[in-house]
C-alpha atoms as a PDB file:
ATOM      1  CA  MET A   1     -37.036  50.569   9.368  1.00  0.00           C
ATOM      2  CA  LYS A   2     -35.651  47.481   7.671  1.00  0.00           C
ATOM      3  CA  GLN A   3     -36.304  47.261   3.950  1.00  0.00           C
ATOM      4  CA  TYR A   4     -38.314  44.235   2.827  1.00  0.00           C
ATOM      5  CA  ARG A   5     -36.351  41.849   0.656  1.00  0.00           C
ATOM      6  CA  PRO A   6     -37.778  38.495  -0.398  1.00  0.00           C
ATOM      7  CA  THR A   7     -35.682  35.426   0.311  1.00  0.00           C
ATOM      8  CA  ILE A   8     -33.979  33.522  -2.485  1.00  0.00           C
ATOM      9  CA  GLU A   9     -36.532  30.721  -2.101  1.00  0.00           C
ATOM     10  CA  GLN A  10     -39.413  33.181  -2.542  1.00  0.00           C
ATOM     11  CA  LEU A  11     -37.746  34.633  -5.634  1.00  0.00           C
ATOM     12  CA  LYS A  12     -37.268  31.144  -7.083  1.00  0.00           C
ATOM     13  CA  LYS A  13     -40.926  30.272  -6.479  1.00  0.00           C
ATOM     14  CA  ARG A  14     -42.125  33.542  -8.016  1.00  0.00           C
ATOM     15  CA  TYR A  15     -39.870  33.079 -11.062  1.00  0.00           C
ATOM     16  CA  SER A  16     -40.959  29.479 -11.620  1.00  0.00           C
ATOM     17  CA  ALA A  17     -44.637  30.453 -11.263  1.00  0.00           C
ATOM     18  CA  ASP A  18     -44.159  33.235 -13.828  1.00  0.00           C
ATOM     19  CA  MET A  19     -42.461  30.842 -16.244  1.00  0.00           C
ATOM     20  CA  ALA A  20     -45.225  28.254 -15.819  1.00  0.00           C
ATOM     21  CA  ARG A  21     -47.870  30.937 -16.381  1.00  0.00           C
ATOM     22  CA  ARG A  22     -46.127  32.108 -19.561  1.00  0.00           C
ATOM     23  CA  LYS A  23     -45.869  28.547 -20.893  1.00  0.00           C
ATOM     24  CA  MET A  24     -49.534  27.853 -20.215  1.00  0.00           C
ATOM     25  CA  GLN A  25     -50.540  31.121 -21.890  1.00  0.00           C
ATOM     26  CA  ALA A  26     -48.391  30.293 -24.916  1.00  0.00           C
ATOM     27  CA  ARG A  27     -50.032  26.856 -25.174  1.00  0.00           C
ATOM     28  CA  ARG A  28     -53.500  28.396 -24.909  1.00  0.00           C
ATOM     29  CA  ASP A  29     -52.661  30.978 -27.551  1.00  0.00           C
ATOM     30  CA  ALA A  30     -51.288  28.297 -29.885  1.00  0.00           C
ATOM     31  CA  ALA A  31     -54.439  26.183 -29.483  1.00  0.00           C
ATOM     32  CA  ARG A  32     -56.769  29.132 -30.047  1.00  0.00           C
ATOM     33  CA  ASP A  33     -58.210  29.615 -33.520  1.00  0.00           C
ATOM     34  CA  PRO A  34     -56.639  32.809 -34.893  1.00  0.00           C
ATOM     35  CA  ASN A  35     -59.770  33.589 -36.939  1.00  0.00           C
ATOM     36  CA  ALA A  36     -62.147  33.299 -33.998  1.00  0.00           C
ATOM     37  CA  LYS A  37     -63.415  36.600 -32.690  1.00  0.00           C
ATOM     38  CA  ARG A  38     -62.983  37.298 -29.013  1.00  0.00           C
ATOM     39  CA  VAL A  39     -66.257  37.903 -27.233  1.00  0.00           C
ATOM     40  CA  ARG A  40     -66.330  41.127 -25.271  1.00  0.00           C
ATOM     41  CA  ILE A  41     -68.110  41.035 -21.963  1.00  0.00           C
ATOM     42  CA  PRO A  42     -70.637  43.868 -21.913  1.00  0.00           C
ATOM     43  CA  ASP A  43     -70.306  46.484 -19.221  1.00  0.00           C
ATOM     44  CA  ASN A  44     -73.282  46.175 -16.906  1.00  0.00           C
ATOM     45  CA  SER A  45     -72.150  48.650 -14.300  1.00  0.00           C
ATOM     46  CA  GLU A  46     -74.534  51.264 -13.043  1.00  0.00           C
ATOM     47  CA  PRO A  47     -73.719  54.514 -11.285  1.00  0.00           C
ATOM     48  CA  TRP A  48     -74.052  54.392  -7.516  1.00  0.00           C
ATOM     49  CA  LEU A  49     -75.816  57.712  -7.436  1.00  0.00           C
ATOM     50  CA  PRO A  50     -78.394  58.931  -9.952  1.00  0.00           C
ATOM     51  CA  HIS A  51     -76.667  62.331 -10.050  1.00  0.00           C
ATOM     52  CA  PRO A  52     -72.907  62.109  -9.511  1.00  0.00           C
ATOM     53  CA  VAL A  53     -71.169  64.256  -6.934  1.00  0.00           C
ATOM     54  CA  ARG A  54     -70.382  67.666  -8.387  1.00  0.00           C
ATOM     55  CA  SER A  55     -68.651  69.401  -5.488  1.00  0.00           C
ATOM     56  CA  VAL A  56     -66.845  68.843  -2.228  1.00  0.00           C
ATOM     57  CA  ALA A  57     -69.965  70.000  -0.371  1.00  0.00           C
ATOM     58  CA  ASP A  58     -71.986  67.190  -2.000  1.00  0.00           C
ATOM     59  CA  ALA A  59     -69.335  64.654  -1.019  1.00  0.00           C
ATOM     60  CA  MET A  60     -69.305  65.954   2.557  1.00  0.00           C
ATOM     61  CA  TRP A  61     -73.109  65.760   2.738  1.00  0.00           C
ATOM     62  CA  ILE A  62     -73.022  62.126   1.546  1.00  0.00           C
ATOM     63  CA  SER A  63     -70.327  61.354   4.115  1.00  0.00           C
ATOM     64  CA  ASP A  64     -72.418  62.958   6.871  1.00  0.00           C
ATOM     65  CA  GLN A  65     -75.467  60.913   5.847  1.00  0.00           C
ATOM     66  CA  ILE A  66     -73.451  57.685   5.935  1.00  0.00           C
ATOM     67  CA  THR A  67     -72.045  58.576   9.353  1.00  0.00           C
ATOM     68  CA  ALA A  68     -75.548  59.338  10.678  1.00  0.00           C
ATOM     69  CA  ASP A  69     -76.864  56.006   9.369  1.00  0.00           C
ATOM     70  CA  MET A  70     -73.939  54.128  10.896  1.00  0.00           C
ATOM     71  CA  ARG A  71     -74.593  55.805  14.264  1.00  0.00           C
ATOM     72  CA  GLN A  72     -78.289  54.968  13.972  1.00  0.00           C
ATOM     73  CA  TRP A  73     -77.458  51.298  13.399  1.00  0.00           C
ATOM     74  CA  SER A  74     -74.730  51.317  16.090  1.00  0.00           C
ATOM     75  CA  LEU A  75     -71.980  50.524  13.632  1.00  0.00           C
ATOM     76  CA  LEU A  76     -69.703  53.333  14.810  1.00  0.00           C
END
């Protein structure tokens, strides 16, 4: 199998995009007030299952239920 190697043009584009991104980030950082606190986005994620999977048997049961539902809805 032939190893993937990007062309010189692709490398040039990637390098120039990286340089532009670094310059823009440097400008943003310079314009930002150093005393301003960064606002953290709160984590609003919830667990998918009320009781997480504790064993391989639980995971297999969940997989079987999903497969049965997919067969019921003709998705398999």
